[in-house]
Amino acid sequence: LRSGRIEGVIVGRALHDGRIGLADAMA
């Protein structure tokens, strides 16, 4: 981004389903 800011991302179903592991996501 040249200006402005994305401060986060929400993950729901993929975590609950086990498609993404949280440690892997943060890495």
PDB file of all heavy atoms in Angstrom:
ATOM      1  N   LEU A   1       0.830  -1.202   0.000  1.00  0.00           N
ATOM      2  CA  LEU A   1       0.000   0.000   0.000  1.00  0.00           C
ATOM      3  C   LEU A   1       0.866   1.254   0.000  1.00  0.00           C
ATOM      4  O   LEU A   1       1.819   1.372   0.767  1.00  0.00           O
ATOM      5  CB  LEU A   1      -0.922   0.007   1.222  1.00  0.00           C
ATOM      6  CG  LEU A   1      -2.079  -0.998   1.231  1.00  0.00           C
ATOM      7  CD1 LEU A   1      -2.848  -0.888   2.539  1.00  0.00           C
ATOM      8  CD2 LEU A   1      -3.001  -0.787   0.047  1.00  0.00           C
ATOM      9  N   ARG A   2       0.485   2.190  -0.833  1.00  0.00           N
ATOM     10  CA  ARG A   2       1.199   3.479  -0.857  1.00  0.00           C
ATOM     11  C   ARG A   2       0.730   4.371   0.283  1.00  0.00           C
ATOM     12  O   ARG A   2       1.491   5.168   0.823  1.00  0.00           O
ATOM     13  CB  ARG A   2       0.969   4.174  -2.198  1.00  0.00           C
ATOM     14  CG  ARG A   2       1.558   3.410  -3.389  1.00  0.00           C
ATOM     15  CD  ARG A   2       1.337   4.177  -4.679  1.00  0.00           C
ATOM     16  NE  ARG A   2      -0.073   4.407  -4.936  1.00  0.00           N
ATOM     17  CZ  ARG A   2      -0.870   3.521  -5.540  1.00  0.00           C
ATOM     18  NH1 ARG A   2      -0.393   2.344  -5.909  1.00  0.00           N
ATOM     19  NH2 ARG A   2      -2.139   3.801  -5.764  1.00  0.00           N
ATOM     20  N   SER A   3      -0.536   4.273   0.596  1.00  0.00           N
ATOM     21  CA  SER A   3      -1.109   4.992   1.732  1.00  0.00           C
ATOM     22  C   SER A   3      -2.170   4.093   2.335  1.00  0.00           C
ATOM     23  O   SER A   3      -2.553   3.083   1.746  1.00  0.00           O
ATOM     24  CB  SER A   3      -1.715   6.328   1.291  1.00  0.00           C
ATOM     25  OG  SER A   3      -2.770   6.107   0.372  1.00  0.00           O
ATOM     26  N   GLY A   4      -2.652   4.435   3.502  1.00  0.00           N
ATOM     27  CA  GLY A   4      -3.630   3.578   4.150  1.00  0.00           C
ATOM     28  C   GLY A   4      -2.962   2.364   4.760  1.00  0.00           C
ATOM     29  O   GLY A   4      -1.757   2.130   4.604  1.00  0.00           O
ATOM     30  N   ARG A   5      -3.772   1.539   5.424  1.00  0.00           N
ATOM     31  CA  ARG A   5      -3.196   0.397   6.122  1.00  0.00           C
ATOM     32  C   ARG A   5      -4.205  -0.737   6.237  1.00  0.00           C
ATOM     33  O   ARG A   5      -5.365  -0.527   6.575  1.00  0.00           O
ATOM     34  CB  ARG A   5      -2.739   0.822   7.530  1.00  0.00           C
ATOM     35  CG  ARG A   5      -2.068  -0.288   8.339  1.00  0.00           C
ATOM     36  CD  ARG A   5      -1.289   0.305   9.508  1.00  0.00           C
ATOM     37  NE  ARG A   5      -2.130   0.983  10.456  1.00  0.00           N
ATOM     38  CZ  ARG A   5      -2.601   0.423  11.575  1.00  0.00           C
ATOM     39  NH1 ARG A   5      -2.291  -0.833  11.863  1.00  0.00           N
ATOM     40  NH2 ARG A   5      -3.346   1.102  12.419  1.00  0.00           N
ATOM     41  N   ILE A   6      -3.761  -1.948   5.934  1.00  0.00           N
ATOM     42  CA  ILE A   6      -4.492  -3.165   6.263  1.00  0.00           C
ATOM     43  C   ILE A   6      -3.889  -3.686   7.562  1.00  0.00           C
ATOM     44  O   ILE A   6      -2.703  -3.994   7.615  1.00  0.00           O
ATOM     45  CB  ILE A   6      -4.358  -4.215   5.143  1.00  0.00           C
ATOM     46  CG1 ILE A   6      -5.059  -3.726   3.869  1.00  0.00           C
ATOM     47  CG2 ILE A   6      -4.962  -5.541   5.596  1.00  0.00           C
ATOM     48  CD1 ILE A   6      -4.871  -4.639   2.671  1.00  0.00           C
ATOM     49  N   GLU A   7      -4.702  -3.756   8.612  1.00  0.00           N
ATOM     50  CA  GLU A   7      -4.158  -4.102   9.921  1.00  0.00           C
ATOM     51  C   GLU A   7      -4.419  -5.541  10.342  1.00  0.00           C
ATOM     52  O   GLU A   7      -3.917  -5.989  11.374  1.00  0.00           O
ATOM     53  CB  GLU A   7      -4.677  -3.158  11.000  1.00  0.00           C
ATOM     54  CG  GLU A   7      -6.138  -3.345  11.364  1.00  0.00           C
ATOM     55  CD  GLU A   7      -6.519  -2.570  12.617  1.00  0.00           C
ATOM     56  OE1 GLU A   7      -5.659  -1.850  13.166  1.00  0.00           O
ATOM     57  OE2 GLU A   7      -7.688  -2.675  13.024  1.00  0.00           O
ATOM     58  N   GLY A   8      -5.200  -6.264   9.568  1.00  0.00           N
ATOM     59  CA  GLY A   8      -5.473  -7.636   9.964  1.00  0.00           C
ATOM     60  C   GLY A   8      -6.252  -8.385   8.911  1.00  0.00           C
ATOM     61  O   GLY A   8      -6.717  -7.812   7.918  1.00  0.00           O
ATOM     62  N   VAL A   9      -6.383  -9.688   9.127  1.00  0.00           N
ATOM     63  CA  VAL A   9      -7.162 -10.547   8.246  1.00  0.00           C
ATOM     64  C   VAL A   9      -7.901 -11.561   9.115  1.00  0.00           C
ATOM     65  O   VAL A   9      -7.340 -12.096  10.067  1.00  0.00           O
ATOM     66  CB  VAL A   9      -6.275 -11.245   7.194  1.00  0.00           C
ATOM     67  CG1 VAL A   9      -5.137 -12.019   7.837  1.00  0.00           C
ATOM     68  CG2 VAL A   9      -7.091 -12.157   6.288  1.00  0.00           C
ATOM     69  N   ILE A  10      -9.161 -11.786   8.803  1.00  0.00           N
ATOM     70  CA  ILE A  10      -9.995 -12.707   9.573  1.00  0.00           C
ATOM     71  C   ILE A  10     -10.059 -14.045   8.849  1.00  0.00           C
ATOM     72  O   ILE A  10     -10.349 -14.107   7.648  1.00  0.00           O
ATOM     73  CB  ILE A  10     -11.404 -12.118   9.764  1.00  0.00           C
ATOM     74  CG1 ILE A  10     -11.329 -10.877  10.660  1.00  0.00           C
ATOM     75  CG2 ILE A  10     -12.353 -13.159  10.364  1.00  0.00           C
ATOM     76  CD1 ILE A  10     -12.612 -10.081  10.719  1.00  0.00           C
ATOM     77  N   VAL A  11      -9.797 -15.100   9.594  1.00  0.00           N
ATOM     78  CA  VAL A  11      -9.886 -16.461   9.065  1.00  0.00           C
ATOM     79  C   VAL A  11     -10.877 -17.217   9.936  1.00  0.00           C
ATOM     80  O   VAL A  11     -10.755 -17.218  11.159  1.00  0.00           O
ATOM     81  CB  VAL A  11      -8.528 -17.181   9.084  1.00  0.00           C
ATOM     82  CG1 VAL A  11      -8.634 -18.533   8.378  1.00  0.00           C
ATOM     83  CG2 VAL A  11      -7.446 -16.320   8.430  1.00  0.00           C
ATOM     84  N   GLY A  12     -11.857 -17.844   9.314  1.00  0.00           N
ATOM     85  CA  GLY A  12     -12.880 -18.563  10.065  1.00  0.00           C
ATOM     86  C   GLY A  12     -12.976 -20.018   9.685  1.00  0.00           C
ATOM     87  O   GLY A  12     -12.371 -20.892  10.300  1.00  0.00           O
ATOM     88  N   ARG A  13     -13.720 -20.293   8.623  1.00  0.00           N
ATOM     89  CA  ARG A  13     -14.018 -21.674   8.249  1.00  0.00           C
ATOM     90  C   ARG A  13     -12.758 -22.511   8.023  1.00  0.00           C
ATOM     91  O   ARG A  13     -12.698 -23.686   8.413  1.00  0.00           O
ATOM     92  CB  ARG A  13     -14.876 -21.664   6.982  1.00  0.00           C
ATOM     93  CG  ARG A  13     -15.319 -23.055   6.538  1.00  0.00           C
ATOM     94  CD  ARG A  13     -16.169 -22.974   5.297  1.00  0.00           C
ATOM     95  NE  ARG A  13     -16.507 -24.314   4.813  1.00  0.00           N
ATOM     96  CZ  ARG A  13     -17.060 -24.548   3.635  1.00  0.00           C
ATOM     97  NH1 ARG A  13     -17.348 -23.543   2.818  1.00  0.00           N
ATOM     98  NH2 ARG A  13     -17.334 -25.784   3.262  1.00  0.00           N
ATOM     99  N   ALA A  14     -11.738 -21.938   7.387  1.00  0.00           N
ATOM    100  CA  ALA A  14     -10.526 -22.707   7.074  1.00  0.00           C
ATOM    101  C   ALA A  14      -9.827 -23.196   8.335  1.00  0.00           C
ATOM    102  O   ALA A  14      -9.244 -24.283   8.344  1.00  0.00           O
ATOM    103  CB  ALA A  14      -9.570 -21.877   6.231  1.00  0.00           C
ATOM    104  N   LEU A  15      -9.891 -22.410   9.405  1.00  0.00           N
ATOM    105  CA  LEU A  15      -9.308 -22.850  10.678  1.00  0.00           C
ATOM    106  C   LEU A  15     -10.162 -23.939  11.312  1.00  0.00           C
ATOM    107  O   LEU A  15      -9.651 -24.959  11.783  1.00  0.00           O
ATOM    108  CB  LEU A  15      -9.174 -21.666  11.638  1.00  0.00           C
ATOM    109  CG  LEU A  15      -8.061 -20.655  11.356  1.00  0.00           C
ATOM    110  CD1 LEU A  15      -8.151 -19.498  12.348  1.00  0.00           C
ATOM    111  CD2 LEU A  15      -6.690 -21.315  11.431  1.00  0.00           C
ATOM    112  N   HIS A  16     -11.466 -23.719  11.326  1.00  0.00           N
ATOM    113  CA  HIS A  16     -12.366 -24.700  11.946  1.00  0.00           C
ATOM    114  C   HIS A  16     -12.332 -26.037  11.210  1.00  0.00           C
ATOM    115  O   HIS A  16     -12.446 -27.099  11.829  1.00  0.00           O
ATOM    116  CB  HIS A  16     -13.794 -24.156  11.981  1.00  0.00           C
ATOM    117  CG  HIS A  16     -14.010 -23.079  12.988  1.00  0.00           C
ATOM    118  ND1 HIS A  16     -14.062 -23.319  14.350  1.00  0.00           N
ATOM    119  CD2 HIS A  16     -14.184 -21.736  12.855  1.00  0.00           C
ATOM    120  CE1 HIS A  16     -14.259 -22.182  14.992  1.00  0.00           C
ATOM    121  NE2 HIS A  16     -14.341 -21.212  14.109  1.00  0.00           N
ATOM    122  N   ASP A  17     -12.185 -25.981   9.889  1.00  0.00           N
ATOM    123  CA  ASP A  17     -12.141 -27.208   9.087  1.00  0.00           C
ATOM    124  C   ASP A  17     -10.781 -27.893   9.114  1.00  0.00           C
ATOM    125  O   ASP A  17     -10.651 -29.019   8.631  1.00  0.00           O
ATOM    126  CB  ASP A  17     -12.480 -26.894   7.623  1.00  0.00           C
ATOM    127  CG  ASP A  17     -13.965 -26.648   7.398  1.00  0.00           C
ATOM    128  OD1 ASP A  17     -14.742 -26.838   8.357  1.00  0.00           O
ATOM    129  OD2 ASP A  17     -14.338 -26.266   6.276  1.00  0.00           O
ATOM    130  N   GLY A  18      -9.776 -27.189   9.633  1.00  0.00           N
ATOM    131  CA  GLY A  18      -8.437 -27.751   9.647  1.00  0.00           C
ATOM    132  C   GLY A  18      -7.690 -27.608   8.334  1.00  0.00           C
ATOM    133  O   GLY A  18      -6.624 -28.209   8.146  1.00  0.00           O
ATOM    134  N   ARG A  19      -8.221 -26.809   7.416  1.00  0.00           N
ATOM    135  CA  ARG A  19      -7.534 -26.594   6.141  1.00  0.00           C
ATOM    136  C   ARG A  19      -6.263 -25.775   6.334  1.00  0.00           C
ATOM    137  O   ARG A  19      -5.313 -25.895   5.552  1.00  0.00           O
ATOM    138  CB  ARG A  19      -8.458 -25.871   5.152  1.00  0.00           C
ATOM    139  CG  ARG A  19      -9.678 -26.677   4.755  1.00  0.00           C
ATOM    140  CD  ARG A  19     -10.692 -25.808   4.034  1.00  0.00           C
ATOM    141  NE  ARG A  19     -11.932 -26.533   3.814  1.00  0.00           N
ATOM    142  CZ  ARG A  19     -12.264 -27.116   2.658  1.00  0.00           C
ATOM    143  NH1 ARG A  19     -11.431 -27.036   1.633  1.00  0.00           N
ATOM    144  NH2 ARG A  19     -13.395 -27.759   2.542  1.00  0.00           N
ATOM    145  N   ILE A  20      -6.292 -24.906   7.338  1.00  0.00           N
ATOM    146  CA  ILE A  20      -5.136 -24.078   7.681  1.00  0.00           C
ATOM    147  C   ILE A  20      -4.841 -24.281   9.157  1.00  0.00           C
ATOM    148  O   ILE A  20      -5.753 -24.210   9.993  1.00  0.00           O
ATOM    149  CB  ILE A  20      -5.399 -22.578   7.421  1.00  0.00           C
ATOM    150  CG1 ILE A  20      -5.615 -22.315   5.927  1.00  0.00           C
ATOM    151  CG2 ILE A  20      -4.256 -21.724   7.939  1.00  0.00           C
ATOM    152  CD1 ILE A  20      -5.950 -20.865   5.617  1.00  0.00           C
ATOM    153  N   GLY A  21      -3.584 -24.507   9.482  1.00  0.00           N
ATOM    154  CA  GLY A  21      -3.167 -24.510  10.878  1.00  0.00           C
ATOM    155  C   GLY A  21      -2.787 -23.094  11.280  1.00  0.00           C
ATOM    156  O   GLY A  21      -2.173 -22.362  10.493  1.00  0.00           O
ATOM    157  N   LEU A  22      -3.161 -22.693  12.487  1.00  0.00           N
ATOM    158  CA  LEU A  22      -2.934 -21.307  12.884  1.00  0.00           C
ATOM    159  C   LEU A  22      -1.450 -20.952  12.919  1.00  0.00           C
ATOM    160  O   LEU A  22      -1.049 -19.875  12.480  1.00  0.00           O
ATOM    161  CB  LEU A  22      -3.576 -21.041  14.241  1.00  0.00           C
ATOM    162  CG  LEU A  22      -3.513 -19.591  14.725  1.00  0.00           C
ATOM    163  CD1 LEU A  22      -4.098 -18.634  13.700  1.00  0.00           C
ATOM    164  CD2 LEU A  22      -4.251 -19.436  16.048  1.00  0.00           C
ATOM    165  N   ALA A  23      -0.617 -21.851  13.410  1.00  0.00           N
ATOM    166  CA  ALA A  23       0.822 -21.573  13.439  1.00  0.00           C
ATOM    167  C   ALA A  23       1.357 -21.374  12.026  1.00  0.00           C
ATOM    168  O   ALA A  23       2.164 -20.462  11.764  1.00  0.00           O
ATOM    169  CB  ALA A  23       1.568 -22.708  14.139  1.00  0.00           C
ATOM    170  N   ASP A  24       0.901 -22.205  11.091  1.00  0.00           N
ATOM    171  CA  ASP A  24       1.316 -22.065   9.695  1.00  0.00           C
ATOM    172  C   ASP A  24       0.812 -20.752   9.103  1.00  0.00           C
ATOM    173  O   ASP A  24       1.507 -20.099   8.315  1.00  0.00           O
ATOM    174  CB  ASP A  24       0.795 -23.234   8.858  1.00  0.00           C
ATOM    175  CG  ASP A  24       1.451 -24.550   9.211  1.00  0.00           C
ATOM    176  OD1 ASP A  24       2.590 -24.529   9.743  1.00  0.00           O
ATOM    177  OD2 ASP A  24       0.825 -25.599   8.962  1.00  0.00           O
ATOM    178  N   ALA A  25      -0.409 -20.377   9.471  1.00  0.00           N
ATOM    179  CA  ALA A  25      -0.986 -19.137   8.965  1.00  0.00           C
ATOM    180  C   ALA A  25      -0.159 -17.933   9.402  1.00  0.00           C
ATOM    181  O   ALA A  25       0.155 -17.046   8.589  1.00  0.00           O
ATOM    182  CB  ALA A  25      -2.427 -18.991   9.459  1.00  0.00           C
ATOM    183  N   MET A  26       0.208 -17.907  10.662  1.00  0.00           N
ATOM    184  CA  MET A  26       0.972 -16.762  11.158  1.00  0.00           C
ATOM    185  C   MET A  26       2.375 -16.751  10.566  1.00  0.00           C
ATOM    186  O   MET A  26       2.931 -15.689  10.271  1.00  0.00           O
ATOM    187  CB  MET A  26       0.988 -16.779  12.681  1.00  0.00           C
ATOM    188  CG  MET A  26      -0.429 -16.655  13.244  1.00  0.00           C
ATOM    189  SD  MET A  26      -0.511 -16.394  15.000  1.00  0.00           S
ATOM    190  CE  MET A  26       0.074 -14.726  15.134  1.00  0.00           C
ATOM    191  N   ALA A  27       2.944 -17.926  10.338  1.00  0.00           N
ATOM    192  CA  ALA A  27       4.259 -17.994   9.701  1.00  0.00           C
ATOM    193  C   ALA A  27       4.184 -17.489   8.263  1.00  0.00           C
ATOM    194  O   ALA A  27       5.098 -16.791   7.796  1.00  0.00           O
ATOM    195  CB  ALA A  27       4.781 -19.429   9.724  1.00  0.00           C
TER     196      ALA A  27
END
